[in-house]
Amino acid sequence: MLTKTKKSKIVKDVQVHDTDTGSPEVQIAILTKRIDELAQHLKKNNKDNHSRRGLLQMVANRKTHMKYLEKKNPKRYNALNKKLGLKK
């Protein structure tokens, strides 16, 4: 689970301006962290199909945000990809 301090640290790393909490970059970064944590959970609990479904939904949601950002601002998209270590 993402704690408040972890979430605020993630937001500070990728925010566009000081009060930014909802830009595509922030949403993608938070989703990426949640996906990583849930993937670790599923490695230990491989029969947890309810969590697996949630993971697939988060991955699809992140992909949608990535497509949006790539279309609107490719420069910010590439910078976020490098920062988070994501592939296209």
PDB file of N, CA and C in Angstrom:
ATOM      1  N   MET A   1       0.840  -1.181   0.000  1.00  0.00           N
ATOM      2  CA  MET A   1       0.000   0.000   0.000  1.00  0.00           C
ATOM      3  C   MET A   1       0.884   1.243   0.000  1.00  0.00           C
ATOM      4  N   LEU A   2       0.463   2.238  -0.711  1.00  0.00           N
ATOM      5  CA  LEU A   2       1.217   3.475  -0.834  1.00  0.00           C
ATOM      6  C   LEU A   2       0.893   4.392   0.349  1.00  0.00           C
ATOM      7  N   THR A   3       1.893   4.674   1.175  1.00  0.00           N
ATOM      8  CA  THR A   3       1.669   5.550   2.318  1.00  0.00           C
ATOM      9  C   THR A   3       1.691   7.008   1.859  1.00  0.00           C
ATOM     10  N   LYS A   4       1.242   7.866   2.756  1.00  0.00           N
ATOM     11  CA  LYS A   4       1.158   9.288   2.433  1.00  0.00           C
ATOM     12  C   LYS A   4       2.542   9.879   2.145  1.00  0.00           C
ATOM     13  N   THR A   5       3.546   9.464   2.892  1.00  0.00           N
ATOM     14  CA  THR A   5       4.891  10.005   2.694  1.00  0.00           C
ATOM     15  C   THR A   5       5.500   9.510   1.376  1.00  0.00           C
ATOM     16  N   LYS A   6       5.287   8.230   1.057  1.00  0.00           N
ATOM     17  CA  LYS A   6       5.793   7.708  -0.216  1.00  0.00           C
ATOM     18  C   LYS A   6       5.144   8.443  -1.384  1.00  0.00           C
ATOM     19  N   LYS A   7       3.833   8.649  -1.263  1.00  0.00           N
ATOM     20  CA  LYS A   7       3.097   9.301  -2.334  1.00  0.00           C
ATOM     21  C   LYS A   7       3.565  10.742  -2.523  1.00  0.00           C
ATOM     22  N   SER A   8       3.773  11.459  -1.427  1.00  0.00           N
ATOM     23  CA  SER A   8       4.219  12.852  -1.540  1.00  0.00           C
ATOM     24  C   SER A   8       5.628  12.933  -2.126  1.00  0.00           C
ATOM     25  N   LYS A   9       6.479  11.960  -1.821  1.00  0.00           N
ATOM     26  CA  LYS A   9       7.826  11.933  -2.390  1.00  0.00           C
ATOM     27  C   LYS A   9       7.764  11.703  -3.897  1.00  0.00           C
ATOM     28  N   ILE A  10       6.906  10.797  -4.327  1.00  0.00           N
ATOM     29  CA  ILE A  10       6.731  10.522  -5.756  1.00  0.00           C
ATOM     30  C   ILE A  10       6.234  11.775  -6.468  1.00  0.00           C
ATOM     31  N   VAL A  11       5.261  12.444  -5.866  1.00  0.00           N
ATOM     32  CA  VAL A  11       4.692  13.658  -6.467  1.00  0.00           C
ATOM     33  C   VAL A  11       5.760  14.728  -6.595  1.00  0.00           C
ATOM     34  N   LYS A  12       6.583  14.916  -5.568  1.00  0.00           N
ATOM     35  CA  LYS A  12       7.632  15.940  -5.617  1.00  0.00           C
ATOM     36  C   LYS A  12       8.658  15.654  -6.700  1.00  0.00           C
ATOM     37  N   ASP A  13       8.904  14.381  -6.970  1.00  0.00           N
ATOM     38  CA  ASP A  13       9.901  14.018  -7.978  1.00  0.00           C
ATOM     39  C   ASP A  13       9.457  14.354  -9.394  1.00  0.00           C
ATOM     40  N   VAL A  14       8.168  14.273  -9.680  1.00  0.00           N
ATOM     41  CA  VAL A  14       7.717  14.422 -11.067  1.00  0.00           C
ATOM     42  C   VAL A  14       6.764  15.588 -11.308  1.00  0.00           C
ATOM     43  N   GLN A  15       6.430  16.358 -10.286  1.00  0.00           N
ATOM     44  CA  GLN A  15       5.448  17.423 -10.490  1.00  0.00           C
ATOM     45  C   GLN A  15       5.963  18.498 -11.439  1.00  0.00           C
ATOM     46  N   VAL A  16       5.029  19.094 -12.163  1.00  0.00           N
ATOM     47  CA  VAL A  16       5.355  20.104 -13.162  1.00  0.00           C
ATOM     48  C   VAL A  16       5.530  21.469 -12.500  1.00  0.00           C
ATOM     49  N   HIS A  17       4.699  21.775 -11.513  1.00  0.00           N
ATOM     50  CA  HIS A  17       4.818  23.021 -10.751  1.00  0.00           C
ATOM     51  C   HIS A  17       4.566  22.712  -9.278  1.00  0.00           C
ATOM     52  N   ASP A  18       4.681  23.708  -8.428  1.00  0.00           N
ATOM     53  CA  ASP A  18       4.659  23.494  -6.979  1.00  0.00           C
ATOM     54  C   ASP A  18       3.379  22.868  -6.444  1.00  0.00           C
ATOM     55  N   THR A  19       2.239  23.237  -7.001  1.00  0.00           N
ATOM     56  CA  THR A  19       0.969  22.735  -6.474  1.00  0.00           C
ATOM     57  C   THR A  19       0.381  21.625  -7.347  1.00  0.00           C
ATOM     58  N   ASP A  20       1.203  21.008  -8.159  1.00  0.00           N
ATOM     59  CA  ASP A  20       0.743  19.982  -9.095  1.00  0.00           C
ATOM     60  C   ASP A  20       0.508  18.654  -8.382  1.00  0.00           C
ATOM     61  N   THR A  21      -0.735  18.174  -8.462  1.00  0.00           N
ATOM     62  CA  THR A  21      -1.040  16.855  -7.897  1.00  0.00           C
ATOM     63  C   THR A  21      -1.813  15.984  -8.871  1.00  0.00           C
ATOM     64  N   GLY A  22      -2.192  16.519 -10.022  1.00  0.00           N
ATOM     65  CA  GLY A  22      -3.046  15.749 -10.910  1.00  0.00           C
ATOM     66  C   GLY A  22      -2.613  15.706 -12.355  1.00  0.00           C
ATOM     67  N   SER A  23      -1.417  16.176 -12.663  1.00  0.00           N
ATOM     68  CA  SER A  23      -0.962  16.140 -14.052  1.00  0.00           C
ATOM     69  C   SER A  23      -0.743  14.694 -14.477  1.00  0.00           C
ATOM     70  N   PRO A  24      -0.710  14.429 -15.773  1.00  0.00           N
ATOM     71  CA  PRO A  24      -0.481  13.060 -16.237  1.00  0.00           C
ATOM     72  C   PRO A  24       0.810  12.457 -15.691  1.00  0.00           C
ATOM     73  N   GLU A  25       1.850  13.273 -15.547  1.00  0.00           N
ATOM     74  CA  GLU A  25       3.117  12.769 -15.033  1.00  0.00           C
ATOM     75  C   GLU A  25       2.969  12.226 -13.613  1.00  0.00           C
ATOM     76  N   VAL A  26       2.259  12.971 -12.772  1.00  0.00           N
ATOM     77  CA  VAL A  26       2.057  12.561 -11.389  1.00  0.00           C
ATOM     78  C   VAL A  26       1.208  11.292 -11.339  1.00  0.00           C
ATOM     79  N   GLN A  27       0.145  11.266 -12.120  1.00  0.00           N
ATOM     80  CA  GLN A  27      -0.736  10.099 -12.117  1.00  0.00           C
ATOM     81  C   GLN A  27       0.005   8.853 -12.600  1.00  0.00           C
ATOM     82  N   ILE A  28       0.809   8.999 -13.633  1.00  0.00           N
ATOM     83  CA  ILE A  28       1.570   7.864 -14.166  1.00  0.00           C
ATOM     84  C   ILE A  28       2.590   7.379 -13.138  1.00  0.00           C
ATOM     85  N   ALA A  29       3.266   8.293 -12.468  1.00  0.00           N
ATOM     86  CA  ALA A  29       4.270   7.909 -11.481  1.00  0.00           C
ATOM     87  C   ALA A  29       3.636   7.163 -10.303  1.00  0.00           C
ATOM     88  N   ILE A  30       2.489   7.637  -9.839  1.00  0.00           N
ATOM     89  CA  ILE A  30       1.802   6.972  -8.734  1.00  0.00           C
ATOM     90  C   ILE A  30       1.316   5.591  -9.170  1.00  0.00           C
ATOM     91  N   LEU A  31       0.753   5.500 -10.355  1.00  0.00           N
ATOM     92  CA  LEU A  31       0.305   4.205 -10.863  1.00  0.00           C
ATOM     93  C   LEU A  31       1.474   3.234 -11.003  1.00  0.00           C
ATOM     94  N   THR A  32       2.603   3.730 -11.470  1.00  0.00           N
ATOM     95  CA  THR A  32       3.773   2.874 -11.637  1.00  0.00           C
ATOM     96  C   THR A  32       4.216   2.296 -10.299  1.00  0.00           C
ATOM     97  N   LYS A  33       4.240   3.118  -9.273  1.00  0.00           N
ATOM     98  CA  LYS A  33       4.637   2.650  -7.944  1.00  0.00           C
ATOM     99  C   LYS A  33       3.635   1.625  -7.414  1.00  0.00           C
ATOM    100  N   ARG A  34       2.352   1.892  -7.590  1.00  0.00           N
ATOM    101  CA  ARG A  34       1.330   0.940  -7.133  1.00  0.00           C
ATOM    102  C   ARG A  34       1.423  -0.373  -7.899  1.00  0.00           C
ATOM    103  N   ILE A  35       1.702  -0.297  -9.191  1.00  0.00           N
ATOM    104  CA  ILE A  35       1.855  -1.503 -10.013  1.00  0.00           C
ATOM    105  C   ILE A  35       3.034  -2.329  -9.528  1.00  0.00           C
ATOM    106  N   ASP A  36       4.153  -1.662  -9.225  1.00  0.00           N
ATOM    107  CA  ASP A  36       5.342  -2.367  -8.729  1.00  0.00           C
ATOM    108  C   ASP A  36       5.051  -3.093  -7.417  1.00  0.00           C
ATOM    109  N   GLU A  37       4.370  -2.393  -6.500  1.00  0.00           N
ATOM    110  CA  GLU A  37       4.057  -3.005  -5.210  1.00  0.00           C
ATOM    111  C   GLU A  37       3.096  -4.177  -5.363  1.00  0.00           C
ATOM    112  N   LEU A  38       2.099  -4.035  -6.222  1.00  0.00           N
ATOM    113  CA  LEU A  38       1.132  -5.110  -6.418  1.00  0.00           C
ATOM    114  C   LEU A  38       1.762  -6.301  -7.133  1.00  0.00           C
ATOM    115  N   ALA A  39       2.691  -6.042  -8.014  1.00  0.00           N
ATOM    116  CA  ALA A  39       3.390  -7.137  -8.694  1.00  0.00           C
ATOM    117  C   ALA A  39       4.207  -7.941  -7.678  1.00  0.00           C
ATOM    118  N   GLN A  40       4.830  -7.266  -6.721  1.00  0.00           N
ATOM    119  CA  GLN A  40       5.564  -7.966  -5.665  1.00  0.00           C
ATOM    120  C   GLN A  40       4.616  -8.818  -4.821  1.00  0.00           C
ATOM    121  N   HIS A  41       3.434  -8.290  -4.535  1.00  0.00           N
ATOM    122  CA  HIS A  41       2.433  -9.035  -3.768  1.00  0.00           C
ATOM    123  C   HIS A  41       2.002 -10.293  -4.522  1.00  0.00           C
ATOM    124  N   LEU A  42       1.822 -10.158  -5.827  1.00  0.00           N
ATOM    125  CA  LEU A  42       1.355 -11.292  -6.620  1.00  0.00           C
ATOM    126  C   LEU A  42       2.427 -12.361  -6.799  1.00  0.00           C
ATOM    127  N   LYS A  43       3.688 -11.992  -6.667  1.00  0.00           N
ATOM    128  CA  LYS A  43       4.743 -13.001  -6.727  1.00  0.00           C
ATOM    129  C   LYS A  43       4.652 -13.932  -5.521  1.00  0.00           C
ATOM    130  N   LYS A  44       4.253 -13.391  -4.370  1.00  0.00           N
ATOM    131  CA  LYS A  44       4.109 -14.193  -3.164  1.00  0.00           C
ATOM    132  C   LYS A  44       2.760 -14.913  -3.120  1.00  0.00           C
ATOM    133  N   ASN A  45       1.729 -14.265  -3.652  1.00  0.00           N
ATOM    134  CA  ASN A  45       0.361 -14.789  -3.580  1.00  0.00           C
ATOM    135  C   ASN A  45      -0.184 -14.989  -4.989  1.00  0.00           C
ATOM    136  N   ASN A  46       0.291 -16.020  -5.660  1.00  0.00           N
ATOM    137  CA  ASN A  46      -0.027 -16.171  -7.075  1.00  0.00           C
ATOM    138  C   ASN A  46      -1.473 -16.588  -7.337  1.00  0.00           C
ATOM    139  N   LYS A  47      -2.235 -16.959  -6.332  1.00  0.00           N
ATOM    140  CA  LYS A  47      -3.635 -17.333  -6.540  1.00  0.00           C
ATOM    141  C   LYS A  47      -4.605 -16.190  -6.242  1.00  0.00           C
ATOM    142  N   ASP A  48      -4.086 -15.021  -5.968  1.00  0.00           N
ATOM    143  CA  ASP A  48      -4.914 -13.857  -5.642  1.00  0.00           C
ATOM    144  C   ASP A  48      -5.417 -13.214  -6.935  1.00  0.00           C
ATOM    145  N   ASN A  49      -6.480 -13.792  -7.475  1.00  0.00           N
ATOM    146  CA  ASN A  49      -6.978 -13.337  -8.775  1.00  0.00           C
ATOM    147  C   ASN A  49      -7.679 -11.988  -8.706  1.00  0.00           C
ATOM    148  N   HIS A  50      -8.227 -11.624  -7.569  1.00  0.00           N
ATOM    149  CA  HIS A  50      -8.879 -10.321  -7.446  1.00  0.00           C
ATOM    150  C   HIS A  50      -7.839  -9.197  -7.559  1.00  0.00           C
ATOM    151  N   SER A  51      -6.707  -9.384  -6.922  1.00  0.00           N
ATOM    152  CA  SER A  51      -5.635  -8.387  -7.020  1.00  0.00           C
ATOM    153  C   SER A  51      -5.035  -8.372  -8.421  1.00  0.00           C
ATOM    154  N   ARG A  52      -4.977  -9.524  -9.057  1.00  0.00           N
ATOM    155  CA  ARG A  52      -4.457  -9.598 -10.418  1.00  0.00           C
ATOM    156  C   ARG A  52      -5.329  -8.768 -11.377  1.00  0.00           C
ATOM    157  N   ARG A  53      -6.628  -8.838 -11.180  1.00  0.00           N
ATOM    158  CA  ARG A  53      -7.539  -8.052 -12.008  1.00  0.00           C
ATOM    159  C   ARG A  53      -7.312  -6.562 -11.780  1.00  0.00           C
ATOM    160  N   GLY A  54      -7.126  -6.167 -10.528  1.00  0.00           N
ATOM    161  CA  GLY A  54      -6.836  -4.772 -10.214  1.00  0.00           C
ATOM    162  C   GLY A  54      -5.536  -4.317 -10.846  1.00  0.00           C
ATOM    163  N   LEU A  55      -4.543  -5.207 -10.855  1.00  0.00           N
ATOM    164  CA  LEU A  55      -3.263  -4.891 -11.477  1.00  0.00           C
ATOM    165  C   LEU A  55      -3.444  -4.637 -12.973  1.00  0.00           C
ATOM    166  N   LEU A  56      -4.201  -5.486 -13.626  1.00  0.00           N
ATOM    167  CA  LEU A  56      -4.437  -5.312 -15.059  1.00  0.00           C
ATOM    168  C   LEU A  56      -5.178  -4.008 -15.350  1.00  0.00           C
ATOM    169  N   GLN A  57      -6.101  -3.635 -14.476  1.00  0.00           N
ATOM    170  CA  GLN A  57      -6.802  -2.368 -14.653  1.00  0.00           C
ATOM    171  C   GLN A  57      -5.855  -1.185 -14.497  1.00  0.00           C
ATOM    172  N   MET A  58      -4.959  -1.267 -13.518  1.00  0.00           N
ATOM    173  CA  MET A  58      -3.996  -0.182 -13.315  1.00  0.00           C
ATOM    174  C   MET A  58      -3.037  -0.056 -14.494  1.00  0.00           C
ATOM    175  N   VAL A  59      -2.602  -1.189 -15.029  1.00  0.00           N
ATOM    176  CA  VAL A  59      -1.700  -1.162 -16.184  1.00  0.00           C
ATOM    177  C   VAL A  59      -2.405  -0.516 -17.377  1.00  0.00           C
ATOM    178  N   ALA A  60      -3.669  -0.870 -17.596  1.00  0.00           N
ATOM    179  CA  ALA A  60      -4.422  -0.281 -18.701  1.00  0.00           C
ATOM    180  C   ALA A  60      -4.624   1.216 -18.494  1.00  0.00           C
ATOM    181  N   ASN A  61      -4.888   1.612 -17.263  1.00  0.00           N
ATOM    182  CA  ASN A  61      -5.078   3.025 -16.943  1.00  0.00           C
ATOM    183  C   ASN A  61      -3.784   3.809 -17.179  1.00  0.00           C
ATOM    184  N   ARG A  62      -2.658   3.234 -16.760  1.00  0.00           N
ATOM    185  CA  ARG A  62      -1.364   3.894 -16.980  1.00  0.00           C
ATOM    186  C   ARG A  62      -1.076   4.019 -18.471  1.00  0.00           C
ATOM    187  N   LYS A  63      -1.388   2.988 -19.221  1.00  0.00           N
ATOM    188  CA  LYS A  63      -1.161   3.014 -20.667  1.00  0.00           C
ATOM    189  C   LYS A  63      -1.987   4.126 -21.326  1.00  0.00           C
ATOM    190  N   THR A  64      -3.218   4.295 -20.862  1.00  0.00           N
ATOM    191  CA  THR A  64      -4.073   5.360 -21.384  1.00  0.00           C
ATOM    192  C   THR A  64      -3.478   6.729 -21.085  1.00  0.00           C
ATOM    193  N   HIS A  65      -3.005   6.923 -19.859  1.00  0.00           N
ATOM    194  CA  HIS A  65      -2.374   8.195 -19.499  1.00  0.00           C
ATOM    195  C   HIS A  65      -1.107   8.436 -20.322  1.00  0.00           C
ATOM    196  N   MET A  66      -0.344   7.376 -20.556  1.00  0.00           N
ATOM    197  CA  MET A  66       0.888   7.505 -21.343  1.00  0.00           C
ATOM    198  C   MET A  66       0.570   7.913 -22.784  1.00  0.00           C
ATOM    199  N   LYS A  67      -0.452   7.309 -23.372  1.00  0.00           N
ATOM    200  CA  LYS A  67      -0.850   7.661 -24.739  1.00  0.00           C
ATOM    201  C   LYS A  67      -1.268   9.125 -24.814  1.00  0.00           C
ATOM    202  N   TYR A  68      -2.037   9.560 -23.816  1.00  0.00           N
ATOM    203  CA  TYR A  68      -2.492  10.942 -23.774  1.00  0.00           C
ATOM    204  C   TYR A  68      -1.304  11.899 -23.713  1.00  0.00           C
ATOM    205  N   LEU A  69      -0.368  11.615 -22.811  1.00  0.00           N
ATOM    206  CA  LEU A  69       0.788  12.488 -22.644  1.00  0.00           C
ATOM    207  C   LEU A  69       1.657  12.488 -23.898  1.00  0.00           C
ATOM    208  N   GLU A  70       1.806  11.331 -24.535  1.00  0.00           N
ATOM    209  CA  GLU A  70       2.610  11.240 -25.756  1.00  0.00           C
ATOM    210  C   GLU A  70       1.994  12.076 -26.872  1.00  0.00           C
ATOM    211  N   LYS A  71       0.671  12.070 -26.941  1.00  0.00           N
ATOM    212  CA  LYS A  71      -0.015  12.831 -27.982  1.00  0.00           C
ATOM    213  C   LYS A  71       0.040  14.333 -27.712  1.00  0.00           C
ATOM    214  N   LYS A  72      -0.147  14.734 -26.447  1.00  0.00           N
ATOM    215  CA  LYS A  72      -0.201  16.150 -26.096  1.00  0.00           C
ATOM    216  C   LYS A  72       1.174  16.804 -26.023  1.00  0.00           C
ATOM    217  N   ASN A  73       2.161  16.085 -25.461  1.00  0.00           N
ATOM    218  CA  ASN A  73       3.477  16.685 -25.275  1.00  0.00           C
ATOM    219  C   ASN A  73       4.562  15.605 -25.300  1.00  0.00           C
ATOM    220  N   PRO A  74       5.073  15.285 -26.477  1.00  0.00           N
ATOM    221  CA  PRO A  74       6.079  14.216 -26.596  1.00  0.00           C
ATOM    222  C   PRO A  74       7.352  14.472 -25.788  1.00  0.00           C
ATOM    223  N   LYS A  75       7.715  15.735 -25.620  1.00  0.00           N
ATOM    224  CA  LYS A  75       8.927  16.060 -24.863  1.00  0.00           C
ATOM    225  C   LYS A  75       8.775  15.647 -23.396  1.00  0.00           C
ATOM    226  N   ARG A  76       7.654  15.989 -22.784  1.00  0.00           N
ATOM    227  CA  ARG A  76       7.390  15.604 -21.396  1.00  0.00           C
ATOM    228  C   ARG A  76       7.238  14.093 -21.276  1.00  0.00           C
ATOM    229  N   TYR A  77       6.662  13.467 -22.299  1.00  0.00           N
ATOM    230  CA  TYR A  77       6.498  12.013 -22.328  1.00  0.00           C
ATOM    231  C   TYR A  77       7.854  11.314 -22.284  1.00  0.00           C
ATOM    232  N   ASN A  78       8.779  11.759 -23.130  1.00  0.00           N
ATOM    233  CA  ASN A  78      10.110  11.156 -23.166  1.00  0.00           C
ATOM    234  C   ASN A  78      10.872  11.374 -21.864  1.00  0.00           C
ATOM    235  N   ALA A  79      10.735  12.560 -21.293  1.00  0.00           N
ATOM    236  CA  ALA A  79      11.406  12.846 -20.024  1.00  0.00           C
ATOM    237  C   ALA A  79      10.870  11.948 -18.910  1.00  0.00           C
ATOM    238  N   LEU A  80       9.564  11.747 -18.890  1.00  0.00           N
ATOM    239  CA  LEU A  80       8.959  10.881 -17.857  1.00  0.00           C
ATOM    240  C   LEU A  80       9.378   9.427 -18.055  1.00  0.00           C
ATOM    241  N   ASN A  81       9.444   8.993 -19.300  1.00  0.00           N
ATOM    242  CA  ASN A  81       9.879   7.626 -19.598  1.00  0.00           C
ATOM    243  C   ASN A  81      11.274   7.375 -19.062  1.00  0.00           C
ATOM    244  N   LYS A  82      12.176   8.335 -19.262  1.00  0.00           N
ATOM    245  CA  LYS A  82      13.542   8.189 -18.768  1.00  0.00           C
ATOM    246  C   LYS A  82      13.574   8.183 -17.245  1.00  0.00           C
ATOM    247  N   LYS A  83      12.799   9.081 -16.633  1.00  0.00           N
ATOM    248  CA  LYS A  83      12.807   9.215 -15.186  1.00  0.00           C
ATOM    249  C   LYS A  83      12.279   7.961 -14.495  1.00  0.00           C
ATOM    250  N   LEU A  84      11.219   7.369 -15.059  1.00  0.00           N
ATOM    251  CA  LEU A  84      10.594   6.199 -14.425  1.00  0.00           C
ATOM    252  C   LEU A  84      11.170   4.877 -14.940  1.00  0.00           C
ATOM    253  N   GLY A  85      11.930   4.927 -16.020  1.00  0.00           N
ATOM    254  CA  GLY A  85      12.508   3.707 -16.563  1.00  0.00           C
ATOM    255  C   GLY A  85      11.490   2.836 -17.269  1.00  0.00           C
ATOM    256  N   LEU A  86      10.515   3.452 -17.904  1.00  0.00           N
ATOM    257  CA  LEU A  86       9.483   2.713 -18.621  1.00  0.00           C
ATOM    258  C   LEU A  86       9.858   2.592 -20.078  1.00  0.00           C
ATOM    259  N   LYS A  87       9.391   1.554 -20.715  1.00  0.00           N
ATOM    260  CA  LYS A  87       9.609   1.385 -22.146  1.00  0.00           C
ATOM    261  C   LYS A  87       8.338   1.751 -22.872  1.00  0.00           C
ATOM    262  N   LYS A  88       8.463   2.036 -24.129  1.00  0.00           N
ATOM    263  CA  LYS A  88       7.298   2.411 -24.937  1.00  0.00           C
ATOM    264  C   LYS A  88       6.466   1.226 -25.267  1.00  0.00           C
TER     265      LYS A  88
END
